[in-house]
């Protein structure tokens, strides 16, 4: 927890960083947003490979297929899933956390 003076200094540093290096800030903001196309493609690929693992892998392939289906489901739910959290360095107290 920062005291008000430290919070004001920190907010000033963040503002200075945003004005002096907007390209860096855009890259950092992109890291907090989900990559929906990547997650959907990876999930579909895992689901397509699951039957192949079962056919050619025997019991080990069945184990890999279960893991692939489970992880594919996790990726698919993550694509629209939870709202991205703000980065740790962004002071968001008292401000809305939704992306602009």
C-alpha atoms as a PDB file:
ATOM      1  CA  UNK A   1       0.000   0.000   0.000  1.00  0.00           C
ATOM      2  CA  UNK A   2       1.424   3.335  -1.027  1.00  0.00           C
ATOM      3  CA  UNK A   3       0.915   6.509   0.890  1.00  0.00           C
ATOM      4  CA  UNK A   4      -0.639   9.396  -1.105  1.00  0.00           C
ATOM      5  CA  UNK A   5       2.697  11.085  -1.852  1.00  0.00           C
ATOM      6  CA  UNK A   6       4.296   7.870  -3.140  1.00  0.00           C
ATOM      7  CA  UNK A   7       1.165   7.093  -5.178  1.00  0.00           C
ATOM      8  CA  UNK A   8       1.303  10.547  -6.775  1.00  0.00           C
ATOM      9  CA  UNK A   9       5.000  10.039  -7.616  1.00  0.00           C
ATOM     10  CA  UNK A  10       4.291   6.598  -9.038  1.00  0.00           C
ATOM     11  CA  UNK A  11       1.390   7.895 -11.147  1.00  0.00           C
ATOM     12  CA  UNK A  12       3.686  10.638 -12.419  1.00  0.00           C
ATOM     13  CA  UNK A  13       6.300   8.070 -13.441  1.00  0.00           C
ATOM     14  CA  UNK A  14       3.668   5.965 -15.225  1.00  0.00           C
ATOM     15  CA  UNK A  15       2.352   9.040 -17.037  1.00  0.00           C
ATOM     16  CA  UNK A  16       5.893  10.013 -18.029  1.00  0.00           C
ATOM     17  CA  UNK A  17       6.539   6.497 -19.337  1.00  0.00           C
ATOM     18  CA  UNK A  18       3.321   6.554 -21.366  1.00  0.00           C
ATOM     19  CA  UNK A  19       4.192   9.887 -22.969  1.00  0.00           C
ATOM     20  CA  UNK A  20       7.860   9.141 -23.661  1.00  0.00           C
ATOM     21  CA  UNK A  21       7.534   5.561 -24.876  1.00  0.00           C
ATOM     22  CA  UNK A  22       4.025   4.796 -26.181  1.00  0.00           C
ATOM     23  CA  UNK A  23       5.278   1.857 -28.248  1.00  0.00           C
ATOM     24  CA  UNK A  24       6.487   0.082 -25.100  1.00  0.00           C
ATOM     25  CA  UNK A  25       3.168   0.750 -23.380  1.00  0.00           C
ATOM     26  CA  UNK A  26       1.223  -0.667 -26.342  1.00  0.00           C
ATOM     27  CA  UNK A  27       3.334  -3.841 -26.221  1.00  0.00           C
ATOM     28  CA  UNK A  28       2.759  -4.194 -22.487  1.00  0.00           C
ATOM     29  CA  UNK A  29      -0.985  -3.650 -22.909  1.00  0.00           C
ATOM     30  CA  UNK A  30      -1.098  -6.329 -25.613  1.00  0.00           C
ATOM     31  CA  UNK A  31       0.360  -8.825 -23.165  1.00  0.00           C
ATOM     32  CA  UNK A  32      -2.690  -8.503 -20.921  1.00  0.00           C
ATOM     33  CA  UNK A  33      -5.270  -9.140 -23.672  1.00  0.00           C
ATOM     34  CA  UNK A  34      -6.281 -12.682 -24.592  1.00  0.00           C
ATOM     35  CA  UNK A  35      -5.326 -13.904 -28.042  1.00  0.00           C
ATOM     36  CA  UNK A  36      -8.625 -15.355 -29.110  1.00  0.00           C
ATOM     37  CA  UNK A  37      -7.623 -16.641 -32.544  1.00  0.00           C
ATOM     38  CA  UNK A  38      -4.508 -18.344 -31.185  1.00  0.00           C
ATOM     39  CA  UNK A  39      -6.450 -20.051 -28.376  1.00  0.00           C
ATOM     40  CA  UNK A  40      -9.234 -21.201 -30.693  1.00  0.00           C
ATOM     41  CA  UNK A  41      -6.789 -22.561 -33.268  1.00  0.00           C
ATOM     42  CA  UNK A  42      -4.745 -24.386 -30.638  1.00  0.00           C
ATOM     43  CA  UNK A  43      -7.901 -25.902 -29.115  1.00  0.00           C
ATOM     44  CA  UNK A  44      -9.161 -27.097 -32.509  1.00  0.00           C
ATOM     45  CA  UNK A  45      -5.766 -28.597 -33.319  1.00  0.00           C
ATOM     46  CA  UNK A  46      -5.706 -30.498 -30.032  1.00  0.00           C
ATOM     47  CA  UNK A  47      -9.231 -31.798 -30.612  1.00  0.00           C
ATOM     48  CA  UNK A  48      -8.319 -32.949 -34.123  1.00  0.00           C
ATOM     49  CA  UNK A  49      -5.199 -34.725 -32.887  1.00  0.00           C
ATOM     50  CA  UNK A  50      -7.003 -36.540 -30.067  1.00  0.00           C
ATOM     51  CA  UNK A  51      -8.596 -39.278 -32.249  1.00  0.00           C
ATOM     52  CA  UNK A  52      -5.298 -39.731 -34.096  1.00  0.00           C
ATOM     53  CA  UNK A  53      -3.575 -40.325 -30.756  1.00  0.00           C
ATOM     54  CA  UNK A  54      -6.169 -42.923 -29.797  1.00  0.00           C
ATOM     55  CA  UNK A  55      -5.915 -44.802 -33.112  1.00  0.00           C
ATOM     56  CA  UNK A  56      -2.134 -44.882 -33.350  1.00  0.00           C
ATOM     57  CA  UNK A  57      -1.063 -44.635 -29.713  1.00  0.00           C
ATOM     58  CA  UNK A  58      -2.798 -47.424 -27.861  1.00  0.00           C
ATOM     59  CA  UNK A  59      -3.312 -46.803 -24.160  1.00  0.00           C
ATOM     60  CA  UNK A  60      -0.610 -44.114 -24.115  1.00  0.00           C
ATOM     61  CA  UNK A  61      -2.325 -42.390 -27.012  1.00  0.00           C
ATOM     62  CA  UNK A  62      -5.622 -42.542 -25.118  1.00  0.00           C
ATOM     63  CA  UNK A  63      -3.947 -40.826 -22.173  1.00  0.00           C
ATOM     64  CA  UNK A  64      -2.543 -38.134 -24.466  1.00  0.00           C
ATOM     65  CA  UNK A  65      -5.955 -37.746 -26.109  1.00  0.00           C
ATOM     66  CA  UNK A  66      -7.626 -37.134 -22.746  1.00  0.00           C
ATOM     67  CA  UNK A  67      -4.968 -34.565 -21.875  1.00  0.00           C
ATOM     68  CA  UNK A  68      -5.296 -32.899 -25.289  1.00  0.00           C
ATOM     69  CA  UNK A  69      -9.092 -32.712 -25.022  1.00  0.00           C
ATOM     70  CA  UNK A  70      -8.877 -31.279 -21.515  1.00  0.00           C
ATOM     71  CA  UNK A  71      -6.279 -28.674 -22.396  1.00  0.00           C
ATOM     72  CA  UNK A  72      -8.150 -27.833 -25.603  1.00  0.00           C
ATOM     73  CA  UNK A  73     -11.273 -27.196 -23.523  1.00  0.00           C
ATOM     74  CA  UNK A  74      -9.264 -24.966 -21.184  1.00  0.00           C
ATOM     75  CA  UNK A  75      -7.886 -22.950 -24.112  1.00  0.00           C
ATOM     76  CA  UNK A  76     -11.313 -22.654 -25.694  1.00  0.00           C
ATOM     77  CA  UNK A  77     -12.889 -21.310 -22.521  1.00  0.00           C
ATOM     78  CA  UNK A  78      -9.940 -18.967 -22.010  1.00  0.00           C
ATOM     79  CA  UNK A  79     -10.382 -17.332 -25.434  1.00  0.00           C
ATOM     80  CA  UNK A  80     -13.307 -15.201 -24.256  1.00  0.00           C
ATOM     81  CA  UNK A  81     -12.794 -16.059 -20.645  1.00  0.00           C
ATOM     82  CA  UNK A  82     -11.985 -13.774 -17.839  1.00  0.00           C
ATOM     83  CA  UNK A  83     -11.439 -10.095 -18.343  1.00  0.00           C
ATOM     84  CA  UNK A  84      -7.713  -9.426 -18.601  1.00  0.00           C
ATOM     85  CA  UNK A  85      -6.260  -8.068 -15.397  1.00  0.00           C
ATOM     86  CA  UNK A  86      -4.224  -4.883 -15.489  1.00  0.00           C
ATOM     87  CA  UNK A  87      -0.489  -5.231 -15.406  1.00  0.00           C
ATOM     88  CA  UNK A  88       1.162  -5.170 -11.988  1.00  0.00           C
ATOM     89  CA  UNK A  89       2.776  -1.792 -12.578  1.00  0.00           C
ATOM     90  CA  UNK A  90      -0.437   0.035 -13.415  1.00  0.00           C
ATOM     91  CA  UNK A  91      -1.964   1.923 -10.504  1.00  0.00           C
ATOM     92  CA  UNK A  92      -5.684   1.203 -10.895  1.00  0.00           C
ATOM     93  CA  UNK A  93      -7.048   1.951  -7.459  1.00  0.00           C
ATOM     94  CA  UNK A  94     -10.231   3.960  -7.873  1.00  0.00           C
ATOM     95  CA  UNK A  95     -10.257   3.540 -11.669  1.00  0.00           C
ATOM     96  CA  UNK A  96     -12.234   1.040 -13.720  1.00  0.00           C
ATOM     97  CA  UNK A  97     -10.222  -2.034 -14.748  1.00  0.00           C
ATOM     98  CA  UNK A  98     -11.839  -2.589 -18.132  1.00  0.00           C
ATOM     99  CA  UNK A  99      -9.638  -2.058 -21.211  1.00  0.00           C
ATOM    100  CA  UNK A 100     -10.184   1.110 -23.176  1.00  0.00           C
END
